[in-house]
Structure formats: structure tokens, C-alpha cells
Amino acid sequence: MELDCSQKTVRCWLHRFNRLGLQGLEDLGGQGRKRRITEEERSRIISLVKTVPPGRARRGTVDLR
């Protein structure tokens, strides 16, 4: 069977399996860079991006009364 990964990766997983059994094959989670902003800050930024900037003309119907 071909796994399309390096021998180093296979050895890493094999060592984890030997050390921890089937639980060693599960995703450890928590990998990667941590977020720099909170979920609240992210939501606020998204809502600001969706608003029309001050002084900018809005698209749509124009009422010329």
C-alpha cells in the first residue's frame, strides 16, 4: 500500500502508535498559530467591512424630492 508521505512521517506515526496505541493515531488538536484577535473583535471587523463608509454614495434608488 502506498501512503504518499515521507518515511519520516510514517516513522513519526509508528512511534506514536507504539507509545500510545490507537489513541496515538487521533488528531492532537491545538496545532498551528493561535488567533491574534478575539471572536468578538473578529465579528466587529466583519460588521464594519459590510457598512458603507461615511461620505460614500450609496447604491440603490434615489429619492429626488
Protein backbone atom coordinates (compact mmCIF):
# COMPACT_ATOMS: atom_id res chain seq x y z
CA MET A 1 0.00 0.00 0.00
CA GLU A 2 1.30 3.48 -0.90
CA LEU A 3 0.62 6.34 1.53
CA ASP A 4 2.00 9.32 -0.42
CA CYS A 5 4.03 10.63 2.54
CA SER A 6 7.66 10.58 3.58
CA GLN A 7 9.35 7.78 5.51
CA LYS A 8 9.98 10.29 8.31
CA THR A 9 6.22 10.92 8.64
CA VAL A 10 5.49 7.19 8.69
CA ARG A 11 8.11 6.64 11.41
CA CYS A 12 6.64 9.50 13.47
CA TRP A 13 3.14 7.97 13.33
CA LEU A 14 4.52 4.49 14.02
CA HIS A 15 6.33 5.72 17.14
CA ARG A 16 3.16 7.46 18.35
CA PHE A 17 1.16 4.28 17.78
CA ASN A 18 3.74 2.18 19.62
CA ARG A 19 3.77 4.63 22.53
CA LEU A 20 0.02 5.42 22.80
CA GLY A 21 -1.82 2.69 20.88
CA LEU A 22 -4.88 3.63 18.81
CA GLN A 23 -5.26 6.92 20.71
CA GLY A 24 -1.88 7.94 19.30
CA LEU A 25 -3.41 7.96 15.82
CA GLU A 26 -6.04 10.57 16.73
CA ASP A 27 -5.57 14.24 15.91
CA LEU A 28 -3.90 16.01 18.83
CA GLY A 29 -5.62 19.33 18.11
CA GLY A 30 -4.24 22.67 19.18
CA GLN A 31 -1.74 22.69 16.36
CA GLY A 32 -0.97 25.87 14.46
CA ARG A 33 -0.80 29.52 15.33
CA LYS A 34 -3.21 30.91 17.92
CA ARG A 35 -5.62 33.67 16.88
CA ARG A 36 -4.40 37.20 17.39
CA ILE A 37 -7.88 38.67 17.88
CA THR A 38 -10.89 37.53 19.89
CA GLU A 39 -14.10 36.26 18.30
CA GLU A 40 -15.82 39.49 19.40
CA GLU A 41 -13.18 41.63 17.65
CA ARG A 42 -13.47 39.48 14.53
CA SER A 43 -17.26 39.92 14.45
CA ARG A 44 -16.90 43.69 14.86
CA ILE A 45 -14.41 43.92 12.00
CA ILE A 46 -16.69 41.90 9.72
CA SER A 47 -19.68 44.12 10.52
CA LEU A 48 -17.60 47.27 9.87
CA VAL A 49 -16.46 45.95 6.49
CA LYS A 50 -20.10 45.41 5.49
CA THR A 51 -21.11 49.03 6.24
CA VAL A 52 -20.90 51.94 3.80
CA PRO A 53 -18.01 54.31 4.67
CA PRO A 54 -19.01 57.86 5.73
CA GLY A 55 -19.28 60.26 2.77
CA ARG A 56 -19.60 57.49 0.20
CA ALA A 57 -22.66 57.48 -2.06
CA ARG A 58 -24.99 54.54 -1.54
CA ARG A 59 -26.16 52.34 -4.37
CA GLY A 60 -29.85 51.87 -4.99
CA THR A 61 -32.84 54.04 -5.68
CA VAL A 62 -32.53 57.79 -5.30
CA ASP A 63 -35.35 59.93 -3.93
CA LEU A 64 -35.17 63.32 -5.72
CA ARG A 65 -37.97 65.18 -3.95
